[in-house]
Protein backbone atom coordinates (compact mmCIF):
# COMPACT_ATOMS: atom_id res chain seq x y z
CA MET A 1 30.59 1.83 32.07
CA ASP A 2 28.58 4.95 31.24
CA LEU A 3 24.89 4.62 30.54
CA LEU A 4 23.85 4.45 26.90
CA GLU A 5 22.46 7.65 25.44
CA THR A 6 19.19 7.79 23.55
CA ARG A 7 20.93 9.56 20.67
CA GLU A 8 23.52 6.84 20.12
CA LEU A 9 20.90 4.12 20.46
CA ARG A 10 18.88 5.82 17.74
CA TYR A 11 21.98 5.99 15.55
CA PHE A 12 22.75 2.32 16.04
CA VAL A 13 19.17 1.09 15.54
CA THR A 14 18.91 3.04 12.28
CA VAL A 15 22.18 1.57 10.97
CA ALA A 16 21.13 -1.92 12.10
CA GLU A 17 17.80 -1.61 10.30
CA GLU A 18 19.27 -0.27 7.08
CA LEU A 19 22.52 -2.33 7.18
CA HIS A 20 23.99 0.54 5.17
CA PHE A 21 25.68 3.64 6.60
CA GLY A 22 24.71 5.87 3.67
CA ARG A 23 20.98 5.09 3.89
CA ALA A 24 21.07 5.32 7.69
CA ALA A 25 22.74 8.74 7.54
CA GLU A 26 20.09 9.91 5.09
CA ARG A 27 17.30 8.72 7.39
CA LEU A 28 18.90 10.51 10.32
CA GLY A 29 19.49 13.71 8.35
CA MET A 30 23.24 13.75 8.97
CA ALA A 31 26.53 13.12 7.16
CA GLN A 32 27.93 9.59 7.01
CA PRO A 33 31.40 10.19 8.62
CA PRO A 34 30.10 11.41 12.01
CA LEU A 35 27.59 8.53 12.05
CA SER A 36 30.39 6.02 11.46
CA ARG A 37 32.46 7.61 14.23
CA ALA A 38 29.51 7.49 16.63
CA ILE A 39 29.01 3.75 16.05
CA GLN A 40 32.75 3.06 16.48
CA GLN A 41 32.72 5.04 19.73
CA LEU A 42 29.71 3.02 20.93
CA GLU A 43 31.54 -0.24 20.17
CA ARG A 44 34.61 0.95 22.10
CA ARG A 45 32.51 1.93 25.10
CA LEU A 46 30.69 -1.41 25.14
CA GLY A 47 33.88 -3.34 24.44
CA VAL A 48 32.24 -5.55 21.80
CA PRO A 49 31.87 -5.40 18.00
CA LEU A 50 28.31 -4.65 16.94
CA LEU A 51 28.73 -4.72 13.16
CA GLU A 52 30.72 -6.75 10.67
CA ARG A 53 31.90 -4.46 7.87
CA ASN A 54 33.06 -5.84 4.52
CA ARG A 55 32.94 -5.02 0.82
CA ARG A 56 29.44 -6.46 0.48
CA GLY A 57 28.01 -4.26 3.19
CA VAL A 58 27.21 -4.45 6.89
CA THR A 59 25.90 -7.32 9.00
CA LEU A 60 25.05 -7.56 12.69
CA THR A 61 27.13 -9.54 15.12
CA ARG A 62 25.38 -11.55 17.82
CA ALA A 63 25.98 -8.66 20.20
CA GLY A 64 24.57 -6.28 17.59
CA GLU A 65 21.39 -8.34 17.29
CA VAL A 66 20.91 -8.11 21.06
CA LEU A 67 21.47 -4.35 21.09
CA LEU A 68 19.04 -3.89 18.18
CA HIS A 69 16.31 -5.71 20.12
CA GLU A 70 17.06 -3.94 23.40
CA GLY A 71 17.62 -0.59 21.70
CA ARG A 72 14.26 -0.66 19.99
CA ALA A 73 12.56 -1.45 23.30
CA THR A 74 14.44 1.37 25.05
CA LEU A 75 13.58 3.92 22.37
CA ASP A 76 9.94 2.82 22.44
CA ALA A 77 9.90 3.19 26.23
CA ALA A 78 11.34 6.70 26.04
CA THR A 79 8.82 7.70 23.38
CA ALA A 80 6.00 6.12 25.36
CA ALA A 81 7.01 8.00 28.52
CA ALA A 82 6.83 11.33 26.69
CA ARG A 83 3.49 10.57 25.03
CA ARG A 84 1.80 9.28 28.17
CA THR A 85 3.16 12.18 30.23
CA ARG A 86 1.63 14.70 27.83
CA ARG A 87 -1.65 12.74 27.75
CA ALA A 88 -1.82 12.66 31.55
CA ALA A 89 -1.84 16.46 31.55
CA SER A 90 -4.80 16.67 29.16
CA PRO A 91 -8.22 17.63 30.55
CA GLY A 92 -9.98 14.62 32.07
CA ASN A 93 -6.85 12.45 31.83
CA ARG A 94 -7.79 11.04 28.42
CA LEU A 95 -7.09 7.36 27.65
CA VAL A 96 -6.38 5.79 24.25
CA LEU A 97 -7.68 2.26 23.59
CA ALA A 98 -6.31 0.47 20.50
CA VAL A 99 -8.71 -1.88 18.74
CA LYS A 100 -8.26 -3.80 15.51
CA SER A 101 -10.60 -2.36 12.90
CA GLY A 102 -13.68 -4.55 12.41
CA ALA A 103 -13.15 -6.61 15.57
CA ASP A 104 -14.90 -6.73 18.97
CA HIS A 105 -17.68 -4.33 17.99
CA GLU A 106 -20.29 -5.50 20.50
CA LEU A 107 -17.78 -5.98 23.31
CA LEU A 108 -16.25 -2.58 22.64
CA ARG A 109 -19.64 -0.86 22.70
CA LYS A 110 -20.51 -2.49 26.04
CA LEU A 111 -17.14 -1.56 27.52
CA LEU A 112 -17.35 2.08 26.46
CA ASP A 113 -20.95 2.42 27.70
CA ALA A 114 -20.15 0.81 31.06
CA HIS A 115 -17.04 2.92 31.54
CA ALA A 116 -18.81 6.16 30.63
CA ALA A 117 -21.39 5.42 33.35
CA GLU A 118 -18.67 5.33 36.03
CA PRO A 119 -18.20 8.44 38.22
CA ASP A 120 -15.31 10.64 37.05
CA ALA A 121 -14.61 8.33 34.12
CA ALA A 122 -11.82 9.47 31.83
CA GLU A 123 -12.58 10.13 28.18
CA VAL A 124 -11.65 7.09 26.06
CA GLU A 125 -10.39 7.68 22.54
CA VAL A 126 -10.73 4.58 20.33
CA LEU A 127 -7.71 4.15 18.06
CA LEU A 128 -8.66 1.80 15.21
CA CYS A 129 -5.62 -0.01 13.86
CA GLY A 130 -4.58 -2.64 11.36
CA ILE A 131 -3.85 -6.31 11.82
CA GLY A 132 -1.40 -6.99 14.65
CA GLU A 133 -0.63 -3.30 15.30
CA GLN A 134 -1.93 -3.21 18.89
CA GLU A 135 1.37 -4.41 20.37
CA ARG A 136 3.39 -1.64 18.71
CA LEU A 137 0.88 1.03 19.74
CA LEU A 138 1.13 -0.09 23.37
CA ARG A 139 4.93 -0.25 23.37
CA ASP A 140 5.51 3.21 21.91
CA GLY A 141 2.85 4.94 24.01
CA ARG A 142 0.32 5.79 21.32
CA ALA A 143 -2.16 3.61 23.25
CA ASP A 144 -2.72 3.11 26.98
CA ALA A 145 -4.57 -0.19 26.55
CA ALA A 146 -5.58 -2.49 23.69
CA LEU A 147 -8.02 -5.26 22.89
CA VAL A 148 -5.95 -8.22 21.67
CA HIS A 149 -6.63 -11.80 20.66
CA LEU A 150 -4.96 -15.08 21.52
CA PRO A 151 -3.50 -17.06 19.85
CA PHE A 152 -2.87 -14.36 17.21
CA ASP A 153 -1.41 -11.36 19.07
CA CYS A 154 1.73 -11.19 21.23
CA LEU A 155 1.23 -10.43 24.94
CA ALA A 156 4.88 -10.63 25.99
CA GLY A 157 5.67 -7.90 28.50
CA PHE A 158 2.06 -6.81 29.09
CA ASP A 159 -0.48 -7.35 31.83
CA SER A 160 -3.89 -8.54 30.63
CA GLU A 161 -7.40 -9.44 31.67
CA GLU A 162 -9.46 -12.06 29.84
CA LEU A 163 -12.78 -10.74 28.53
CA LEU A 164 -14.28 -13.20 26.05
CA ILE A 165 -13.78 -16.68 24.60
CA GLU A 166 -15.50 -17.49 21.31
CA GLU A 167 -15.56 -19.85 18.36
CA GLN A 168 -14.39 -19.01 14.87
CA VAL A 169 -16.38 -18.66 11.66
CA ALA A 170 -15.49 -18.70 7.97
CA ILE A 171 -16.52 -15.56 6.08
CA LEU A 172 -17.41 -16.59 2.52
CA PRO A 173 -18.86 -14.99 -0.61
CA ALA A 174 -22.64 -15.41 -0.38
CA GLU A 175 -22.80 -17.12 -3.79
CA HIS A 176 -20.14 -19.75 -3.08
CA PRO A 177 -21.42 -23.36 -2.65
CA LEU A 178 -19.87 -23.63 0.84
CA ALA A 179 -21.97 -20.68 2.00
CA ALA A 180 -25.01 -23.00 2.13
CA ARG A 181 -23.36 -25.28 4.71
CA THR A 182 -24.36 -25.15 8.40
CA SER A 183 -20.77 -25.85 9.51
CA LEU A 184 -17.28 -26.47 8.14
CA SER A 185 -14.00 -27.99 9.33
CA VAL A 186 -10.50 -26.52 9.25
CA ALA A 187 -9.54 -29.10 6.62
CA GLU A 188 -12.44 -28.08 4.40
CA VAL A 189 -11.71 -24.35 4.46
CA SER A 190 -8.01 -25.03 3.88
CA GLU A 191 -8.60 -27.01 0.68
CA VAL A 192 -10.85 -24.86 -1.52
CA PRO A 193 -8.84 -24.24 -4.73
CA ASP A 194 -11.07 -21.45 -6.03
CA LEU A 195 -11.23 -19.64 -2.67
CA PRO A 196 -7.77 -19.54 -0.99
CA LEU A 197 -7.54 -18.33 2.60
CA ALA A 198 -6.54 -14.71 3.11
CA ARG A 199 -3.02 -14.27 4.55
CA TRP A 200 -2.58 -12.08 7.64
CA PRO A 201 0.78 -10.47 8.52
CA ARG A 202 2.85 -12.13 11.25
CA HIS A 203 4.34 -10.27 14.23
CA ASP A 204 7.43 -9.30 12.20
CA GLY A 205 5.34 -7.88 9.35
CA THR A 206 6.03 -10.73 6.91
CA TYR A 207 3.32 -12.93 5.42
CA PRO A 208 3.09 -16.74 5.57
CA PRO A 209 3.43 -18.53 2.22
CA GLY A 210 0.32 -19.50 0.32
CA PRO A 211 -1.86 -18.71 -2.69
CA GLY A 212 -4.25 -16.38 -0.85
CA PRO A 213 -3.98 -12.57 -1.07
CA GLU A 214 -1.96 -10.57 1.45
CA ILE A 215 -4.38 -8.60 3.61
CA HIS A 216 -3.49 -5.05 4.66
CA ASP A 217 -6.77 -3.69 6.02
CA GLN A 218 -10.38 -4.57 6.74
CA SER A 219 -11.88 -2.84 3.69
CA GLN A 220 -9.55 -4.69 1.33
CA LEU A 221 -10.47 -8.02 2.95
CA ALA A 222 -14.22 -7.35 2.78
CA GLN A 223 -14.10 -6.44 -0.90
CA LEU A 224 -11.94 -9.41 -1.90
CA ILE A 225 -14.36 -11.78 -0.17
CA ALA A 226 -17.35 -10.15 -1.87
CA LEU A 227 -15.58 -10.55 -5.24
CA GLY A 228 -15.07 -14.26 -4.61
CA ARG A 229 -11.27 -14.00 -4.45
CA THR A 230 -10.68 -15.19 -0.87
CA MET A 231 -12.22 -16.21 2.44
CA VAL A 232 -11.14 -15.80 6.04
CA VAL A 233 -11.57 -17.57 9.37
CA ILE A 234 -12.06 -15.10 12.23
CA PRO A 235 -13.67 -14.89 15.70
CA ALA A 236 -17.47 -15.10 15.60
CA SER A 237 -17.82 -11.49 16.78
CA GLY A 238 -16.38 -10.46 13.41
CA ARG A 239 -19.88 -10.98 11.98
CA ALA A 240 -20.47 -7.33 12.92
CA TRP A 241 -18.72 -6.08 9.75
CA LEU A 242 -20.31 -8.52 7.27
CA TRP A 243 -21.63 -7.15 4.00
CA THR A 244 -24.79 -8.50 2.35
CA ASP A 245 -22.40 -10.24 -0.08
CA HIS A 246 -20.89 -12.27 2.81
CA VAL A 247 -22.00 -15.35 4.75
CA ALA A 248 -20.56 -16.61 8.07
CA VAL A 249 -20.32 -20.37 8.61
CA PRO A 250 -19.06 -21.86 11.94
CA VAL A 251 -15.74 -23.75 11.75
CA THR A 252 -16.38 -26.38 14.40
CA ASP A 253 -12.81 -27.58 15.05
CA ALA A 254 -11.00 -24.23 14.80
CA PRO A 255 -9.16 -23.13 17.98
CA LEU A 256 -11.16 -20.93 20.33
CA VAL A 257 -10.16 -17.26 20.34
CA THR A 258 -9.65 -15.36 23.60
CA THR A 259 -10.12 -11.59 23.63
CA LEU A 260 -8.22 -9.72 26.35
CA ILE A 261 -7.57 -6.16 27.36
CA ALA A 262 -3.81 -5.56 27.68
CA TRP A 263 -1.78 -2.71 29.17
CA PRO A 264 1.82 -1.90 30.17
CA PRO A 265 2.63 -3.55 33.53
CA HIS A 266 4.34 -0.45 34.98
CA SER A 267 1.30 1.81 34.52
CA ARG A 268 0.27 3.78 37.62
CA SER A 269 -2.67 5.57 35.99
CA PRO A 270 -5.81 5.58 38.18
CA ALA A 271 -7.89 6.30 35.05
CA LEU A 272 -6.50 3.20 33.33
CA ALA A 273 -7.08 1.12 36.47
CA ARG A 274 -10.76 2.13 36.42
CA LEU A 275 -11.06 1.14 32.75
CA ILE A 276 -9.49 -2.26 33.48
CA ARG A 277 -11.85 -2.86 36.42
CA THR A 278 -14.83 -2.03 34.21
CA ALA A 279 -13.59 -4.42 31.53
CA ALA A 280 -13.09 -7.20 34.09
CA ARG A 281 -16.69 -6.82 35.30
CA LEU A 282 -17.93 -7.39 31.75
């Protein structure tokens, strides 16, 4: 069987995401008939049906679900190869480190200072990102490494080095009665009717059910806490972004959070290797 082409993978992934040939063709900037023919040709070459077509629309077969997952990974890998190749040719072999906005401030500062003190250290660009975005940035090549957190972030397919283990704290409005406590339990922070827990997006971008607000970025979260509309439980290092309207209270039985530096396992970059060694020494 011939190898799959990047073009036809992009066609299929777009159709699989839209589940509608018209919308997929519009996204791709092409007419619908040649897109339909390209998908039919791909099915013939693979020898399996990828889509179920009926009057109600399009659905994925089991084989189609597999190709969607594998196709996304392949397209990400191709994009990542191009981005990292161009970055490797930049002066000083620049590295991009993805970090969730508002997290790991003290650790990040120590890492950057220690790395900058190394002989021939590459320039490190810090790419601040939203909740759970580090994985995507690593997979598509926009980042060379990322600071991630277990048990929240996905490390599947990456190498990693453990940097820090810490407790969690509840960030509360300063005027709330619980803000005067010296410690709280998970049960207590989960059962405050006037201060529901903020909801973070899951790996697939959806939000868990609950009465708390959906959080999209750090600024939104900080303001909603200050207004008394929500609270959040985060690693203790998150105290770095507290406003004067916030108070941090330890949550004694919350799971410990592990911060790691993660990177693609196939990387052969000497500059990245030096950054990882510096992080491990910390």
